[in-house]
Protein backbone atom coordinates (compact mmCIF):
# COMPACT_ATOMS: atom_id res chain seq x y z
CA UNK A 1 74.90 70.89 100.28
CA UNK A 2 78.02 72.00 102.10
CA UNK A 3 76.77 72.35 105.76
CA UNK A 4 79.86 73.33 107.28
CA UNK A 5 78.10 75.10 110.27
CA UNK A 6 76.16 72.36 112.15
CA UNK A 7 74.27 71.98 115.29
CA UNK A 8 77.78 70.67 117.03
CA UNK A 9 79.49 74.03 116.27
CA UNK A 10 76.44 76.06 117.97
CA UNK A 11 76.72 73.96 120.97
CA UNK A 12 80.09 74.40 121.00
CA UNK A 13 79.63 78.05 121.28
CA UNK A 14 82.17 78.54 118.29
CA UNK A 15 82.39 81.98 116.45
CA UNK A 16 84.09 81.31 113.27
CA UNK A 17 85.00 83.93 110.94
CA UNK A 18 84.32 83.72 107.21
CA UNK A 19 86.64 85.39 105.04
CA UNK A 20 85.46 86.30 101.27
CA UNK A 21 88.06 86.69 99.01
CA UNK A 22 87.27 88.01 95.40
CA UNK A 23 87.38 90.52 92.87
CA UNK A 24 85.01 93.49 92.45
CA UNK A 25 82.07 91.58 92.76
CA UNK A 26 83.06 90.18 96.16
CA UNK A 27 84.56 93.80 96.99
CA UNK A 28 80.87 95.32 96.30
CA UNK A 29 80.02 92.92 98.93
CA UNK A 30 76.46 93.24 98.70
CA UNK A 31 75.81 89.61 98.84
CA UNK A 32 77.76 89.20 101.74
CA UNK A 33 75.69 91.82 103.55
CA UNK A 34 72.31 90.37 102.40
CA UNK A 35 73.66 87.06 104.28
CA UNK A 36 74.86 88.66 107.18
CA UNK A 37 71.46 90.16 107.60
CA UNK A 38 69.66 86.75 107.36
CA UNK A 39 72.38 84.98 109.85
CA UNK A 40 71.74 87.69 112.44
CA UNK A 41 67.57 87.21 111.94
CA UNK A 42 67.50 83.46 111.64
CA UNK A 43 70.66 82.26 113.25
CA UNK A 44 71.90 84.43 115.73
CA UNK A 45 73.10 81.36 117.75
CA UNK A 46 75.97 81.14 115.57
CA UNK A 47 77.45 84.48 116.02
CA UNK A 48 79.07 84.00 112.65
CA UNK A 49 81.40 86.68 111.36
CA UNK A 50 81.44 87.42 107.61
CA UNK A 51 84.43 89.61 106.46
CA UNK A 52 84.20 90.88 102.94
CA UNK A 53 87.83 91.18 101.59
CA UNK A 54 87.54 91.84 97.50
CA UNK A 55 89.69 93.46 95.64
CA UNK A 56 88.56 95.20 92.26
CA UNK A 57 90.24 93.75 89.31
CA UNK A 58 91.88 90.83 91.05
CA UNK A 59 92.78 87.94 89.86
CA UNK A 60 93.72 84.22 91.24
CA UNK A 61 95.69 83.68 88.06
CA UNK A 62 98.26 86.56 87.80
CA UNK A 63 97.30 87.56 84.30
CA UNK A 64 96.58 91.12 83.01
CA UNK A 65 95.13 92.30 79.39
CA UNK A 66 97.38 94.90 77.79
CA UNK A 67 94.79 97.48 77.49
CA UNK A 68 94.12 96.92 81.22
CA UNK A 69 94.65 100.66 82.91
CA UNK A 70 97.20 98.99 85.57
CA UNK A 71 98.38 95.53 86.09
CA UNK A 72 95.72 93.76 87.79
CA UNK A 73 96.14 92.93 91.24
CA UNK A 74 96.52 89.09 92.14
CA UNK A 75 95.46 87.61 95.19
CA UNK A 76 98.64 85.78 95.91
CA UNK A 77 100.26 89.08 96.67
CA UNK A 78 97.92 89.33 99.87
CA UNK A 79 97.20 86.00 100.66
CA UNK A 80 99.48 85.48 103.16
CA UNK A 81 99.09 88.81 105.11
CA UNK A 82 95.06 88.63 105.01
CA UNK A 83 95.05 85.09 106.25
CA UNK A 84 97.38 85.78 109.28
CA UNK A 85 95.52 88.91 110.12
CA UNK A 86 92.01 87.43 109.97
CA UNK A 87 92.39 83.86 111.28
CA UNK A 88 89.36 82.73 109.21
CA UNK A 89 87.69 79.71 110.50
CA UNK A 90 86.35 79.47 106.48
CA UNK A 91 87.70 81.05 103.63
CA UNK A 92 85.16 81.54 101.06
CA UNK A 93 86.75 82.46 97.57
CA UNK A 94 85.49 83.52 93.75
CA UNK A 95 87.63 83.72 91.02
CA UNK A 96 87.60 83.39 87.36
CA UNK A 97 85.71 86.25 85.97
CA UNK A 98 88.79 88.38 85.45
CA UNK A 99 91.53 85.41 85.19
CA UNK A 100 90.47 84.79 81.41
CA UNK A 101 91.21 88.62 80.75
CA UNK A 102 88.09 88.64 78.65
CA UNK A 103 89.72 87.07 75.62
CA UNK A 104 88.74 83.76 73.89
CA UNK A 105 89.67 80.71 75.33
CA UNK A 106 93.47 79.56 75.52
CA UNK A 107 94.98 76.62 77.27
CA UNK A 108 97.71 78.83 78.56
CA UNK A 109 95.13 81.31 80.26
CA UNK A 110 93.56 78.32 81.52
CA UNK A 111 96.52 76.96 83.12
CA UNK A 112 97.29 79.78 85.04
CA UNK A 113 93.98 80.01 86.28
CA UNK A 114 94.19 76.32 87.45
CA UNK A 115 97.49 76.81 89.10
CA UNK A 116 96.57 79.80 90.98
CA UNK A 117 93.20 78.15 92.22
CA UNK A 118 95.64 75.28 93.45
CA UNK A 119 98.08 77.50 95.31
CA UNK A 120 95.16 79.42 96.70
CA UNK A 121 93.37 76.19 98.06
CA UNK A 122 96.40 75.12 99.22
CA UNK A 123 97.83 77.91 101.27
CA UNK A 124 94.27 78.23 102.98
CA UNK A 125 94.15 75.07 104.39
CA UNK A 126 97.82 75.48 105.42
CA UNK A 127 96.59 78.21 107.35
CA UNK A 128 94.09 76.12 109.11
CA UNK A 129 90.59 77.19 107.59
CA UNK A 130 88.52 75.07 105.31
CA UNK A 131 88.28 75.94 101.99
CA UNK A 132 85.24 76.74 99.99
CA UNK A 133 85.29 77.84 96.42
CA UNK A 134 82.40 79.44 94.17
CA UNK A 135 82.36 79.22 90.69
CA UNK A 136 82.73 82.54 88.46
CA UNK A 137 79.44 84.31 87.98
CA UNK A 138 78.13 84.12 84.05
CA UNK A 139 79.43 86.83 81.96
CA UNK A 140 75.81 88.21 80.31
CA UNK A 141 76.76 89.65 77.04
CA UNK A 142 73.24 91.18 76.18
CA UNK A 143 73.82 93.43 79.29
CA UNK A 144 77.02 94.93 78.29
CA UNK A 145 77.00 98.37 76.77
CA UNK A 146 80.64 98.13 75.53
CA UNK A 147 81.75 96.90 72.08
CA UNK A 148 81.71 92.92 71.74
CA UNK A 149 84.37 91.64 69.88
CA UNK A 150 84.62 88.58 67.81
CA UNK A 151 87.39 85.69 68.33
CA UNK A 152 89.64 87.19 65.58
CA UNK A 153 89.89 90.64 66.83
CA UNK A 154 92.81 91.83 69.28
CA UNK A 155 92.65 94.23 71.93
CA UNK A 156 90.27 92.43 74.37
CA UNK A 157 89.84 94.31 77.55
CA UNK A 158 86.68 94.35 80.32
CA UNK A 159 85.51 97.40 78.16
CA UNK A 160 85.78 95.29 75.06
CA UNK A 161 85.43 91.60 75.73
CA UNK A 162 85.44 88.50 73.60
CA UNK A 163 81.39 87.98 72.72
CA UNK A 164 81.40 84.72 73.66
CA UNK A 165 83.47 85.01 76.85
CA UNK A 166 80.97 83.43 78.87
CA UNK A 167 81.96 80.13 77.17
CA UNK A 168 85.38 80.52 78.84
CA UNK A 169 83.96 81.04 82.30
CA UNK A 170 81.90 77.96 81.41
CA UNK A 171 84.95 75.75 81.42
CA UNK A 172 86.52 77.40 84.28
CA UNK A 173 83.25 76.61 86.01
CA UNK A 174 83.50 73.00 85.10
CA UNK A 175 86.73 72.51 86.28
CA UNK A 176 86.09 73.81 89.58
CA UNK A 177 83.02 71.47 89.89
CA UNK A 178 84.95 68.60 88.44
CA UNK A 179 86.39 68.56 91.93
CA UNK A 180 89.98 68.91 90.63
CA UNK A 181 90.90 71.79 92.93
CA UNK A 182 90.58 70.49 96.58
CA UNK A 183 88.70 72.26 98.71
CA UNK A 184 85.71 71.32 101.60
CA UNK A 185 82.99 72.51 99.30
CA UNK A 186 82.47 73.89 95.99
CA UNK A 187 79.32 76.40 95.43
CA UNK A 188 78.16 76.74 91.81
CA UNK A 189 77.24 80.32 91.43
CA UNK A 190 76.82 79.86 87.76
CA UNK A 191 73.78 77.69 87.28
CA UNK A 192 71.49 79.64 89.51
CA UNK A 193 72.27 82.88 88.43
CA UNK A 194 71.85 81.80 84.44
CA UNK A 195 68.37 80.81 85.66
CA UNK A 196 67.37 84.02 87.11
CA UNK A 197 68.81 85.96 83.92
CA UNK A 198 66.32 83.54 81.97
CA UNK A 199 63.35 83.94 84.27
CA UNK A 200 63.99 87.99 84.57
CA UNK A 201 64.43 87.92 80.61
CA UNK A 202 61.20 85.95 80.10
CA UNK A 203 59.17 88.44 82.20
CA UNK A 204 60.89 91.45 80.65
CA UNK A 205 62.92 91.10 77.67
CA UNK A 206 64.85 94.39 78.41
CA UNK A 207 66.54 92.90 81.84
CA UNK A 208 69.76 93.88 82.34
CA UNK A 209 71.97 91.86 84.75
CA UNK A 210 73.98 94.70 85.69
CA UNK A 211 76.49 95.59 83.32
CA UNK A 212 77.08 92.03 82.13
CA UNK A 213 79.97 91.48 84.24
CA UNK A 214 78.85 92.69 87.73
CA UNK A 215 75.31 91.73 88.71
CA UNK A 216 72.76 93.77 89.83
CA UNK A 217 71.30 93.82 93.33
CA UNK A 218 68.90 91.16 92.55
CA UNK A 219 71.86 89.07 91.34
CA UNK A 220 73.51 89.43 94.50
CA UNK A 221 70.37 88.17 96.12
CA UNK A 222 70.55 85.16 94.29
CA UNK A 223 74.23 84.66 95.26
CA UNK A 224 73.23 85.24 99.04
CA UNK A 225 70.67 82.84 98.82
CA UNK A 226 72.91 80.26 97.26
CA UNK A 227 75.44 80.88 99.83
CA UNK A 228 73.10 80.40 102.61
CA UNK A 229 71.49 77.52 101.55
CA UNK A 230 74.89 75.61 101.02
CA UNK A 231 76.27 76.80 104.06
CA UNK A 232 73.70 77.26 106.31
CA UNK A 233 70.44 75.24 105.14
CA UNK A 234 68.62 78.24 104.83
CA UNK A 235 64.99 77.12 103.55
CA UNK A 236 63.14 78.79 100.98
CA UNK A 237 60.54 81.53 101.91
CA UNK A 238 63.16 82.71 104.98
CA UNK A 239 66.04 83.84 102.57
CA UNK A 240 66.81 87.27 100.80
CA UNK A 241 64.52 88.30 97.78
CA UNK A 242 65.06 90.83 94.94
CA UNK A 243 63.24 93.53 97.03
CA UNK A 244 65.74 92.66 100.17
CA UNK A 245 68.72 93.02 98.10
CA UNK A 246 67.46 96.33 96.34
CA UNK A 247 66.60 97.94 99.87
CA UNK A 248 70.25 96.87 101.38
CA UNK A 249 71.66 98.14 98.18
CA UNK A 250 69.91 101.43 98.45
CA UNK A 251 70.52 101.82 102.20
CA UNK A 252 74.34 101.66 101.49
CA UNK A 253 74.03 104.14 98.61
CA UNK A 254 72.18 106.69 101.16
C-alpha cells in the first residue's frame, strides 16, 4: 500500500490537491466523487481536495484509430498547463484503455504507450508533485453491444474492437506493475475489477460491466475503494459499496 497521506501530513495541516488525469472514465468522475465523499466523512482532518481533470477519448500515447470520428486528444497537449494551474501535491493518472486503440497487440503501439507514460511521469515529477499511476481497467467483451472483430480483421475502433483487446490491456498493466515507469506508487485497478466482474457474473450471469469499456456504477465503486485503500488506508466496512455508487450516480443524474 502507498499511504501517501500519513499522520505527519495531518499534523502539519497540509491541504494537498490531488489532480486526476485520464480518459472518459476519469472524466465521468464517479469514482472520484465517491472517494471525496468518503474523505469528508472519515478523514475530515486531511481536508484534501480531489480534482477530476479527465478528458474523453484521451491517450498518453498520441495514437488514434483511423475510424475514430476525430483525432484522439493526447494528455501531453495539455499537461504543462494543467500542472501549472492546479499545482497539485499528487497527480494520479490512469491511461491505457484508449492507447491500444482497440487493435490487436503491436510492439509499435506498446512502445508509444510506454514513451507517453514515461514522459508523463517525468513531467509530473519535474512540477514537484508525487506521481501515482493506475493500471488501465479491463475491457469486458461480454458487456459490449458492438461488433467484436477477430485479429485478422481491419477497421478496429472503440465501436468495433478486437475481441481479445483485454489481453492487450493486460500487457500494459503488467508493464506498469513491473515498476518500469518511475512513480511514487502504482495502483492495480485491473485485478479487483476482474474479480468484481467474476463475482457479479457468478450471481447474475447477465451482469453487464457498463458497456465493456466504461465501468458501471458498481465498477466505479471498486475503483474508489481501491484508491482509498491504497492512498488513505481505508478499512473494509467503511468504504463505499455498490449502493453508495448507484446513489451517487443517481444524484448526479438528477
